[in-house]
């Protein structure tokens, strides 16, 4: 039988059909979470794009600032080299004049150097003959013996007539670190007659860079066209005079004329933004600023905005999860209310109200699809006499037992089992013809009979009807047909199943 505690039958009756309300609420909760995540991702993408634009803006501003700085330095250096080169050109022109050899030293000195550029950081112009011996010195009428035949600025002009203005490597020249500027003296017959040389001391670059307001890690590098370092700030004698094209991990294409480069340079490991000034001067300027300094303000703003976005993301997602949980709780409560409203409290089957909804839905579906719809009407035999003899509690146990037998026999999700009223039950079987429905009916009847074997025997009578909905019919006709079959089963002696055949009722089992 069934366990009884405190005079009540304990049982569990599954609610077979999926609940549409719960599915809707679950869908709403998922949509809420998905939309919240999509919103967070969208705003995060917008924020990230804005931050990247700000970063590019900071880099572009720094690049323009460095370009202006490089342009100013390059203009000053180019102007002074041009002025000094004009003086060298003048001396070269005067040295090839035939008359210059026949005038006195004083007059020659005046002719050669009267218009020569003079400045605090410019060295005296000197003239060397074809052997490299000093012949004329702007600083003295009687120059001391001196030979520069082995210097690179001498050999370049001797071996290359088209060298033009030549800027030497940084060197110790006449007691001070300087670069030597020189030009070739060529005779009318093309012979090499010597060179004219002058110098620009390092003090010029120190004074020039000292006038600038630079950060401690900013760099300024003045290079020769072959990438030899002429001067650098911060000053380092280990770097001065080195050729950067010999550095194995640095490519010349990284920093072309008029371009910029962000990364590690050839001198040290500090990542910087480098800008190279384009020009025609023998020297060019590269300025650099550490990337950490360039993006310092941007980084502060990024951290602040990122923290705000993170807080908003946590808030939105937490709120979405909370609301989804509340939606789930509400869905559960509504499911319970719907179950209470549509379930028979005693048997756990659907009640009459829910059955009417289900048969209306299935009838319309069968009409659309042209498929049969079967109905079983089940009634407990002699239930009133049993109830009067053994009491209402025993009668309730019988109804529960019959309900369980019905549920065990009807297992398809589309089937509907319901307590139709009193001791009467209904089973709706979509897609079943009369013979299929009869088999289910006999299974139910057999299980009830098997369960009730003992001192008290309870049986059921079952009316079976199956119809394919047609024009002018409704599901009330199906219930009426099953009802007539049920009455026929009772009239024929009970404990049997009868199939209704329209318009007549025929006894089948």
Protein backbone atom coordinates (compact mmCIF):
# COMPACT_ATOMS: atom_id res chain seq x y z
CA UNK A 1 0.00 0.00 0.00
CA UNK A 2 1.12 3.57 0.67
CA UNK A 3 2.86 4.90 3.86
CA UNK A 4 0.48 6.64 6.24
CA UNK A 5 1.71 9.06 8.95
CA UNK A 6 -0.60 10.84 11.39
CA UNK A 7 -3.59 9.60 9.45
CA UNK A 8 -2.39 11.13 6.16
CA UNK A 9 -1.02 9.44 3.10
CA UNK A 10 2.54 10.63 2.29
CA UNK A 11 3.37 10.67 -1.41
CA UNK A 12 5.08 12.74 -4.10
CA UNK A 13 3.38 13.42 -7.39
CA UNK A 14 5.67 14.94 -10.09
CA UNK A 15 4.48 17.99 -11.96
CA UNK A 16 5.23 16.58 -15.39
CA UNK A 17 4.64 19.48 -17.73
CA UNK A 18 7.30 22.23 -18.01
CA UNK A 19 6.19 25.51 -16.57
CA UNK A 20 6.06 28.32 -19.12
CA UNK A 21 6.07 31.05 -16.49
CA UNK A 22 9.28 29.71 -15.01
CA UNK A 23 10.84 29.52 -18.46
CA UNK A 24 9.85 33.12 -19.10
CA UNK A 25 11.31 34.32 -15.82
CA UNK A 26 14.49 32.32 -16.38
CA UNK A 27 14.75 33.87 -19.82
CA UNK A 28 14.23 37.33 -18.32
CA UNK A 29 16.98 36.72 -15.75
CA UNK A 30 19.38 35.53 -18.45
CA UNK A 31 18.51 38.50 -20.65
CA UNK A 32 19.12 40.84 -17.73
CA UNK A 33 22.56 39.35 -17.05
CA UNK A 34 23.48 39.16 -20.74
CA UNK A 35 22.35 42.75 -21.38
CA UNK A 36 24.24 43.94 -18.30
CA UNK A 37 27.41 42.18 -19.43
CA UNK A 38 26.95 43.55 -22.97
CA UNK A 39 26.47 47.06 -21.54
CA UNK A 40 29.59 46.70 -19.40
CA UNK A 41 31.60 45.46 -22.38
CA UNK A 42 30.27 48.29 -24.56
CA UNK A 43 31.10 51.03 -22.06
CA UNK A 44 34.47 49.41 -21.36
CA UNK A 45 35.25 49.40 -25.09
CA UNK A 46 34.24 53.06 -25.38
CA UNK A 47 36.31 53.95 -22.33
CA UNK A 48 39.30 52.00 -23.65
CA UNK A 49 38.99 53.75 -27.02
CA UNK A 50 38.85 57.16 -25.33
CA UNK A 51 41.89 56.30 -23.22
CA UNK A 52 43.82 55.17 -26.31
CA UNK A 53 42.89 58.41 -28.07
CA UNK A 54 44.12 60.35 -25.04
CA UNK A 55 47.35 58.34 -25.10
CA UNK A 56 47.85 59.06 -28.80
CA UNK A 57 47.12 62.73 -28.11
CA UNK A 58 49.75 62.86 -25.34
CA UNK A 59 52.28 61.19 -27.63
CA UNK A 60 51.48 63.58 -30.49
CA UNK A 61 51.79 66.61 -28.20
CA UNK A 62 55.14 65.38 -26.90
CA UNK A 63 56.32 64.70 -30.46
CA UNK A 64 55.40 68.21 -31.58
CA UNK A 65 57.16 69.70 -28.55
CA UNK A 66 60.30 67.69 -29.28
CA UNK A 67 60.13 68.67 -32.96
CA UNK A 68 60.04 72.34 -32.01
CA UNK A 69 62.93 71.85 -29.61
CA UNK A 70 64.97 69.98 -32.22
CA UNK A 71 64.17 72.64 -34.81
CA UNK A 72 65.40 75.43 -32.53
CA UNK A 73 68.64 73.63 -31.68
CA UNK A 74 69.26 72.63 -35.28
CA UNK A 75 68.66 76.19 -36.50
CA UNK A 76 71.20 77.62 -34.02
CA UNK A 77 73.84 75.02 -34.87
CA UNK A 78 73.27 75.34 -38.62
CA UNK A 79 73.49 79.14 -38.48
CA UNK A 80 76.82 79.11 -36.62
CA UNK A 81 78.28 76.42 -38.90
CA UNK A 82 77.15 78.42 -41.93
CA UNK A 83 78.73 81.61 -40.58
CA UNK A 84 81.97 79.81 -39.82
CA UNK A 85 81.90 78.10 -43.21
CA UNK A 86 81.59 81.49 -44.93
CA UNK A 87 84.82 82.53 -43.23
CA UNK A 88 86.51 79.32 -44.38
CA UNK A 89 85.29 79.88 -47.95
CA UNK A 90 86.64 83.43 -47.90
CA UNK A 91 90.07 82.23 -46.78
CA UNK A 92 90.08 79.49 -49.47
CA UNK A 93 89.20 82.05 -52.16
CA UNK A 94 91.90 84.46 -51.03
CA UNK A 95 94.57 81.76 -50.73
CA UNK A 96 94.39 80.94 -54.47
CA UNK A 97 94.88 84.58 -55.47
CA UNK A 98 98.36 84.92 -57.08
CA UNK A 99 98.97 88.28 -55.41
CA UNK A 100 98.60 86.82 -51.89
CA UNK A 101 102.06 85.28 -52.09
CA UNK A 102 103.78 88.63 -52.72
CA UNK A 103 102.35 90.73 -49.90
CA UNK A 104 103.68 91.09 -46.37
CA UNK A 105 102.57 88.81 -43.60
CA UNK A 106 100.63 91.59 -41.93
CA UNK A 107 98.73 92.49 -45.08
CA UNK A 108 98.10 88.83 -45.91
CA UNK A 109 96.77 88.29 -42.43
CA UNK A 110 94.45 91.26 -42.83
CA UNK A 111 93.22 90.10 -46.25
CA UNK A 112 92.57 86.54 -45.14
CA UNK A 113 90.95 87.09 -41.76
CA UNK A 114 89.56 90.61 -41.74
CA UNK A 115 86.00 89.37 -42.29
CA UNK A 116 86.36 86.04 -40.53
CA UNK A 117 83.63 85.17 -38.05
CA UNK A 118 84.72 85.54 -34.49
CA UNK A 119 82.92 84.35 -31.42
CA UNK A 120 83.67 83.14 -27.93
CA UNK A 121 83.45 79.48 -28.91
CA UNK A 122 85.06 79.69 -32.37
CA UNK A 123 88.70 78.62 -32.70
CA UNK A 124 91.21 80.54 -34.85
CA UNK A 125 91.27 79.68 -38.54
CA UNK A 126 94.47 77.95 -39.73
CA UNK A 127 95.92 77.25 -43.16
CA UNK A 128 97.94 74.06 -43.79
CA UNK A 129 99.94 73.39 -46.94
CA UNK A 130 99.93 70.25 -49.06
CA UNK A 131 102.26 68.51 -46.60
CA UNK A 132 100.08 69.30 -43.59
CA UNK A 133 102.40 72.00 -42.21
CA UNK A 134 100.83 75.07 -40.62
CA UNK A 135 101.57 78.12 -42.75
CA UNK A 136 99.04 80.74 -41.64
CA UNK A 137 97.33 81.13 -38.25
CA UNK A 138 94.66 83.76 -37.58
CA UNK A 139 95.79 83.83 -33.94
CA UNK A 140 99.44 84.73 -34.66
CA UNK A 141 101.63 86.34 -37.30
CA UNK A 142 104.39 83.88 -36.40
CA UNK A 143 102.70 80.47 -36.00
CA UNK A 144 104.60 77.75 -34.25
CA UNK A 145 105.63 74.72 -36.31
CA UNK A 146 102.74 72.31 -36.49
CA UNK A 147 101.87 69.43 -38.79
CA UNK A 148 98.36 67.92 -39.21
CA UNK A 149 99.09 65.65 -42.14
CA UNK A 150 97.90 62.56 -40.28
CA UNK A 151 94.54 64.01 -39.14
CA UNK A 152 91.37 62.74 -40.77
CA UNK A 153 90.20 66.19 -41.74
CA UNK A 154 93.47 66.63 -43.72
CA UNK A 155 93.53 63.24 -45.42
CA UNK A 156 89.86 63.48 -46.44
CA UNK A 157 90.48 66.64 -48.45
CA UNK A 158 93.75 65.37 -49.86
CA UNK A 159 92.18 62.16 -51.14
CA UNK A 160 88.74 63.49 -52.08
CA UNK A 161 88.60 66.75 -54.04
CA UNK A 162 84.79 66.94 -53.76
CA UNK A 163 84.58 66.60 -49.98
CA UNK A 164 83.35 70.17 -49.48
CA UNK A 165 82.89 71.25 -45.87
CA UNK A 166 84.13 68.49 -43.61
CA UNK A 167 83.26 68.18 -39.91
CA UNK A 168 85.72 66.09 -37.96
CA UNK A 169 85.13 63.68 -35.12
CA UNK A 170 85.22 65.28 -31.66
CA UNK A 171 88.86 65.67 -30.55
CA UNK A 172 91.19 67.54 -28.27
CA UNK A 173 92.18 70.48 -30.48
CA UNK A 174 94.57 73.20 -29.33
CA UNK A 175 93.95 72.46 -25.66
CA UNK A 176 90.11 72.12 -25.76
CA UNK A 177 87.55 69.54 -26.89
CA UNK A 178 86.14 70.68 -30.21
CA UNK A 179 85.07 69.70 -33.70
CA UNK A 180 87.20 70.85 -36.62
CA UNK A 181 85.57 72.34 -39.73
CA UNK A 182 87.77 72.31 -42.84
CA UNK A 183 87.78 73.01 -46.57
CA UNK A 184 90.19 72.05 -49.38
CA UNK A 185 92.41 74.56 -51.15
CA UNK A 186 92.60 73.63 -54.81
CA UNK A 187 94.88 75.32 -57.34
CA UNK A 188 93.81 76.51 -60.77
CA UNK A 189 95.30 73.38 -62.23
CA UNK A 190 93.37 71.17 -59.78
CA UNK A 191 96.38 70.45 -57.59
CA UNK A 192 95.89 69.95 -53.85
CA UNK A 193 97.44 72.98 -52.16
CA UNK A 194 96.34 72.32 -48.57
CA UNK A 195 93.36 72.98 -46.31
CA UNK A 196 91.75 75.72 -44.28
CA UNK A 197 90.59 74.55 -40.86
CA UNK A 198 88.81 76.04 -37.89
CA UNK A 199 87.10 74.68 -34.77
CA UNK A 200 83.94 75.02 -32.70
CA UNK A 201 84.60 74.24 -29.06
CA UNK A 202 82.34 72.02 -26.92
CA UNK A 203 81.68 75.04 -24.74
CA UNK A 204 79.34 76.26 -27.50
CA UNK A 205 77.14 73.16 -27.14
CA UNK A 206 77.29 73.30 -23.34
CA UNK A 207 76.12 76.90 -23.39
CA UNK A 208 73.42 76.18 -25.98
CA UNK A 209 71.99 73.22 -24.05
CA UNK A 210 72.31 75.05 -20.75
CA UNK A 211 69.82 77.66 -21.93
CA UNK A 212 67.14 74.99 -22.34
CA UNK A 213 64.73 73.89 -19.62
CA UNK A 214 65.03 70.12 -19.80
CA UNK A 215 63.95 67.29 -17.53
CA UNK A 216 66.78 65.25 -15.96
CA UNK A 217 66.30 62.27 -18.29
CA UNK A 218 65.72 64.24 -21.50
CA UNK A 219 68.43 63.81 -24.10
CA UNK A 220 69.82 65.92 -26.93
CA UNK A 221 72.22 64.31 -29.37
CA UNK A 222 74.09 66.09 -32.18
CA UNK A 223 75.37 63.69 -34.81
CA UNK A 224 77.36 63.79 -37.97
CA UNK A 225 75.75 62.45 -41.16
CA UNK A 226 77.57 59.14 -40.72
CA UNK A 227 75.89 58.89 -37.23
CA UNK A 228 79.01 59.78 -35.29
CA UNK A 229 78.03 61.39 -31.98
CA UNK A 230 79.37 64.95 -31.86
CA UNK A 231 77.73 66.04 -28.64
CA UNK A 232 75.18 64.68 -26.21
CA UNK A 233 73.28 65.89 -23.20
CA UNK A 234 73.75 64.49 -20.62
CA UNK A 235 77.44 64.74 -21.45
CA UNK A 236 79.36 61.45 -21.48
CA UNK A 237 82.86 61.16 -22.93
CA UNK A 238 82.34 57.42 -23.41
CA UNK A 239 79.60 58.20 -25.95
CA UNK A 240 81.14 61.25 -27.64
CA UNK A 241 82.83 60.25 -30.90
CA UNK A 242 81.18 56.84 -31.12
CA UNK A 243 79.48 55.81 -34.36
CA UNK A 244 75.93 54.59 -33.66
CA UNK A 245 75.75 52.70 -36.95
CA UNK A 246 78.15 50.20 -35.38
CA UNK A 247 75.66 49.31 -32.63
CA UNK A 248 74.40 45.78 -33.48
CA UNK A 249 70.94 46.18 -31.90
CA UNK A 250 70.15 49.53 -33.51
CA UNK A 251 68.92 49.99 -37.08
CA UNK A 252 69.30 53.24 -38.97
CA UNK A 253 65.76 52.85 -40.36
CA UNK A 254 64.37 53.20 -36.84
CA UNK A 255 64.89 56.95 -37.01
CA UNK A 256 64.88 58.49 -40.48
CA UNK A 257 65.04 62.19 -41.25
CA UNK A 258 62.01 64.08 -39.96
CA UNK A 259 60.57 61.01 -38.21
CA UNK A 260 60.07 59.80 -34.64
CA UNK A 261 60.68 56.56 -32.79
CA UNK A 262 59.31 55.26 -29.48
CA UNK A 263 61.36 52.63 -27.69
CA UNK A 264 64.86 51.82 -26.50
CA UNK A 265 67.57 53.85 -28.20
CA UNK A 266 71.15 52.92 -29.12
CA UNK A 267 72.82 54.54 -26.10
CA UNK A 268 70.97 53.41 -22.99
CA UNK A 269 68.09 51.13 -22.00
CA UNK A 270 65.59 53.85 -21.06
CA UNK A 271 62.57 53.78 -23.41
CA UNK A 272 62.13 57.21 -24.94
CA UNK A 273 60.29 59.08 -27.64
CA UNK A 274 62.96 60.24 -30.11
CA UNK A 275 62.49 62.90 -32.79
CA UNK A 276 65.01 63.60 -35.57
CA UNK A 277 65.15 66.97 -37.23
CA UNK A 278 65.34 66.99 -41.04
CA UNK A 279 67.82 69.41 -42.62
CA UNK A 280 70.74 69.89 -45.00
CA UNK A 281 73.38 70.80 -42.42
CA UNK A 282 76.40 68.49 -41.97
CA UNK A 283 75.06 67.82 -38.47
CA UNK A 284 71.60 66.73 -37.37
CA UNK A 285 69.84 66.80 -34.02
CA UNK A 286 67.93 64.06 -32.19
CA UNK A 287 66.01 64.87 -29.00
CA UNK A 288 64.47 62.31 -26.68
CA UNK A 289 62.06 62.26 -23.76
CA UNK A 290 61.38 59.22 -21.53
CA UNK A 291 58.08 57.51 -22.34
CA UNK A 292 57.33 57.39 -18.63
CA UNK A 293 57.42 61.18 -18.54
CA UNK A 294 55.42 61.49 -21.78
CA UNK A 295 52.60 59.29 -20.47
CA UNK A 296 52.79 60.24 -16.79
CA UNK A 297 49.69 62.49 -16.86
CA UNK A 298 47.84 60.04 -19.10
CA UNK A 299 48.69 57.16 -16.77
CA UNK A 300 47.30 59.05 -13.78
CA UNK A 301 44.07 59.76 -15.66
CA UNK A 302 43.88 56.16 -16.91
CA UNK A 303 44.20 54.80 -13.38
CA UNK A 304 41.55 57.19 -12.09
CA UNK A 305 39.09 56.47 -14.90
CA UNK A 306 39.86 52.75 -14.75
CA UNK A 307 39.12 52.69 -11.02
CA UNK A 308 35.79 54.47 -11.61
CA UNK A 309 34.93 52.07 -14.44
CA UNK A 310 35.84 49.06 -12.30
CA UNK A 311 33.59 50.33 -9.50
CA UNK A 312 30.74 50.89 -11.99
CA UNK A 313 31.25 47.43 -13.49
CA UNK A 314 31.13 45.81 -10.06
CA UNK A 315 28.00 47.83 -9.21
CA UNK A 316 26.21 46.99 -12.48
CA UNK A 317 27.06 43.29 -12.35
CA UNK A 318 26.21 43.04 -8.65
CA UNK A 319 22.88 44.76 -9.28
CA UNK A 320 22.19 42.49 -12.26
CA UNK A 321 22.96 39.36 -10.24
CA UNK A 322 20.83 40.59 -7.35
CA UNK A 323 17.91 41.39 -9.66
CA UNK A 324 18.31 38.06 -11.48
CA UNK A 325 18.20 36.28 -8.14
CA UNK A 326 15.09 38.22 -7.16
CA UNK A 327 13.51 37.39 -10.51
CA UNK A 328 14.30 33.73 -9.88
CA UNK A 329 12.72 33.87 -6.44
CA UNK A 330 9.66 35.57 -7.89
CA UNK A 331 9.45 32.94 -10.65
CA UNK A 332 9.67 30.17 -8.04
CA UNK A 333 6.92 31.79 -5.99
CA UNK A 334 4.74 32.22 -9.05
CA UNK A 335 5.38 28.60 -10.04
CA UNK A 336 4.26 27.49 -6.61
CA UNK A 337 1.16 29.66 -6.82
CA UNK A 338 0.36 28.35 -10.28
CA UNK A 339 0.93 24.81 -9.11
CA UNK A 340 -1.43 25.38 -6.20
CA UNK A 341 -3.98 26.91 -8.54
CA UNK A 342 -3.78 24.13 -11.13
CA UNK A 343 -3.02 21.03 -9.00
CA UNK A 344 -5.44 18.90 -7.04
CA UNK A 345 -4.32 19.10 -3.41
CA UNK A 346 -5.18 15.48 -2.58
CA UNK A 347 -3.86 13.53 -5.57
CA UNK A 348 -1.19 15.82 -6.98
CA UNK A 349 -2.74 15.59 -10.45
CA UNK A 350 -3.91 18.63 -12.41
CA UNK A 351 -7.30 19.95 -11.37
CA UNK A 352 -10.36 20.49 -13.54
CA UNK A 353 -9.45 24.10 -14.29
CA UNK A 354 -6.02 23.14 -15.64
CA UNK A 355 -7.51 20.20 -17.54
CA UNK A 356 -9.93 22.48 -19.39
CA UNK A 357 -6.99 24.69 -20.45
CA UNK A 358 -4.93 21.69 -21.60
CA UNK A 359 -7.72 20.04 -23.60
CA UNK A 360 -8.48 23.33 -25.34
CA UNK A 361 -4.81 23.75 -26.34
CA UNK A 362 -4.44 20.14 -27.49
CA UNK A 363 -7.75 20.23 -29.39
CA UNK A 364 -6.60 23.28 -31.36
CA UNK A 365 -3.22 21.68 -32.06
CA UNK A 366 -4.86 18.43 -33.23
CA UNK A 367 -7.17 20.46 -35.50
CA UNK A 368 -4.18 22.26 -37.07
CA UNK A 369 -2.16 19.08 -37.54
CA UNK A 370 -5.09 16.79 -38.43
CA UNK A 371 -4.03 14.29 -35.74
CA UNK A 372 -6.22 12.30 -33.32
CA UNK A 373 -6.81 13.26 -29.69
CA UNK A 374 -7.78 10.56 -27.18
CA UNK A 375 -9.43 10.94 -23.77
CA UNK A 376 -9.84 8.46 -20.91
CA UNK A 377 -12.58 9.08 -18.35
CA UNK A 378 -11.86 6.97 -15.23
CA UNK A 379 -14.25 6.42 -12.32
CA UNK A 380 -13.72 4.50 -9.06
CA UNK A 381 -16.31 1.71 -8.77
CA UNK A 382 -18.63 1.67 -5.73
CA UNK A 383 -16.67 4.56 -4.23
CA UNK A 384 -19.63 6.00 -2.28
CA UNK A 385 -20.29 2.67 -0.58
CA UNK A 386 -16.59 2.27 0.18
CA UNK A 387 -16.47 5.77 1.61
CA UNK A 388 -19.51 5.15 3.80
CA UNK A 389 -18.07 1.84 5.05
CA UNK A 390 -14.43 2.74 5.72
CA UNK A 391 -14.59 6.49 6.19
CA UNK A 392 -13.40 9.53 4.27
CA UNK A 393 -9.73 9.05 5.18
CA UNK A 394 -9.67 5.56 3.67
CA UNK A 395 -11.57 6.88 0.67
CA UNK A 396 -8.95 9.61 0.18
CA UNK A 397 -6.21 6.94 0.26
CA UNK A 398 -8.01 5.03 -2.48
CA UNK A 399 -8.20 8.17 -4.65
CA UNK A 400 -4.51 8.83 -4.10
CA UNK A 401 -3.69 5.21 -4.98
CA UNK A 402 -5.69 5.42 -8.20
CA UNK A 403 -3.92 8.72 -9.06
CA UNK A 404 -0.51 7.09 -8.60
CA UNK A 405 -1.50 4.13 -10.78
CA UNK A 406 -2.60 6.59 -13.47
CA UNK A 407 0.67 8.57 -13.24
CA UNK A 408 2.76 5.38 -13.44
CA UNK A 409 0.93 4.36 -16.62
CA UNK A 410 1.05 7.72 -18.40
CA UNK A 411 4.66 8.84 -18.92
CA UNK A 412 4.73 11.08 -22.02
CA UNK A 413 5.38 14.75 -21.35
CA UNK A 414 2.54 15.74 -23.69
CA UNK A 415 -0.06 13.65 -21.82
CA UNK A 416 -2.27 15.27 -19.22
CA UNK A 417 -3.61 13.52 -16.11
CA UNK A 418 -6.24 15.29 -14.02
CA UNK A 419 -8.78 14.78 -11.29
CA UNK A 420 -11.99 15.56 -13.10
CA UNK A 421 -14.12 15.73 -9.97
CA UNK A 422 -14.94 13.59 -6.95
CA UNK A 423 -13.83 10.01 -7.69
CA UNK A 424 -13.57 10.68 -11.43
CA UNK A 425 -10.28 11.14 -13.31
CA UNK A 426 -9.39 12.17 -16.87
CA UNK A 427 -6.35 11.35 -19.03
CA UNK A 428 -5.69 13.30 -22.22
CA UNK A 429 -3.54 11.48 -24.81
CA UNK A 430 -2.59 13.68 -27.81
CA UNK A 431 -1.85 11.79 -31.02
CA UNK A 432 -3.35 8.48 -29.83
CA UNK A 433 -5.93 6.54 -31.80
CA UNK A 434 -8.66 4.59 -30.01
CA UNK A 435 -6.73 1.29 -29.84
CA UNK A 436 -3.59 3.00 -28.45
CA UNK A 437 -5.69 4.77 -25.83
CA UNK A 438 -7.40 1.46 -24.97
CA UNK A 439 -4.00 -0.11 -24.18
CA UNK A 440 -3.21 2.74 -21.79
CA UNK A 441 -6.65 2.35 -20.19
CA UNK A 442 -6.13 -1.37 -19.65
CA UNK A 443 -2.70 -0.72 -18.12
CA UNK A 444 -4.26 1.70 -15.63
CA UNK A 445 -7.09 -0.67 -14.81
CA UNK A 446 -4.69 -3.56 -14.30
CA UNK A 447 -2.43 -1.57 -11.96
CA UNK A 448 -5.41 -0.44 -9.87
CA UNK A 449 -6.64 -4.00 -9.62
CA UNK A 450 -3.18 -5.29 -8.70
CA UNK A 451 -2.67 -2.60 -6.07
CA UNK A 452 -6.05 -3.18 -4.42
CA UNK A 453 -5.73 -6.94 -3.94
CA UNK A 454 -6.47 -7.71 -0.29
CA UNK A 455 -9.37 -7.43 2.09
CA UNK A 456 -10.80 -4.48 0.23
CA UNK A 457 -10.87 -4.47 -3.54
CA UNK A 458 -11.15 -1.25 -5.52
CA UNK A 459 -11.64 -1.25 -9.27
CA UNK A 460 -12.11 1.41 -11.92
CA UNK A 461 -14.25 1.72 -15.00
CA UNK A 462 -12.80 3.56 -17.98
CA UNK A 463 -14.42 5.22 -20.96
CA UNK A 464 -12.17 5.67 -24.01
CA UNK A 465 -12.78 8.09 -26.88
CA UNK A 466 -10.54 9.30 -29.72
CA UNK A 467 -11.43 11.96 -32.29
CA UNK A 468 -9.74 13.89 -35.04
CA UNK A 469 -11.19 17.42 -34.75
CA UNK A 470 -13.39 18.40 -37.67
CA UNK A 471 -15.46 21.36 -38.72
CA UNK A 472 -18.30 22.19 -36.34
CA UNK A 473 -16.84 20.11 -33.49
CA UNK A 474 -15.25 21.15 -30.23
CA UNK A 475 -13.54 19.35 -27.39
CA UNK A 476 -16.85 19.10 -25.49
CA UNK A 477 -17.85 16.43 -28.03
CA UNK A 478 -14.78 14.38 -27.04
CA UNK A 479 -15.64 14.60 -23.34
CA UNK A 480 -19.23 13.64 -24.06
CA UNK A 481 -18.15 10.60 -26.08
CA UNK A 482 -15.76 9.42 -23.34
CA UNK A 483 -18.44 10.02 -20.74
CA UNK A 484 -20.93 7.84 -22.64
CA UNK A 485 -18.32 5.12 -22.91
CA UNK A 486 -17.74 5.35 -19.16
CA UNK A 487 -21.48 4.94 -18.45
CA UNK A 488 -21.50 1.95 -20.77
CA UNK A 489 -18.60 0.39 -18.82
CA UNK A 490 -20.49 0.83 -15.56
CA UNK A 491 -23.72 -0.48 -17.08
CA UNK A 492 -21.90 -3.59 -18.34
CA UNK A 493 -20.68 -4.54 -14.85
CA UNK A 494 -17.83 -2.14 -14.03
CA UNK A 495 -14.05 -2.92 -13.85
CA UNK A 496 -13.66 -2.68 -17.60
CA UNK A 497 -12.71 -0.32 -20.42
CA UNK A 498 -15.11 0.68 -23.18
CA UNK A 499 -14.21 2.47 -26.41
CA UNK A 500 -16.74 4.95 -27.79
CA UNK A 501 -17.41 4.71 -31.51
CA UNK A 502 -19.40 7.51 -32.98
CA UNK A 503 -22.36 7.64 -33.26
CA UNK A 504 -22.75 4.28 -31.45
CA UNK A 505 -20.92 3.04 -28.38
CA UNK A 506 -19.32 -0.38 -28.76
CA UNK A 507 -18.01 -2.51 -25.92
CA UNK A 508 -14.36 -3.40 -26.48
CA UNK A 509 -13.06 -4.89 -23.20
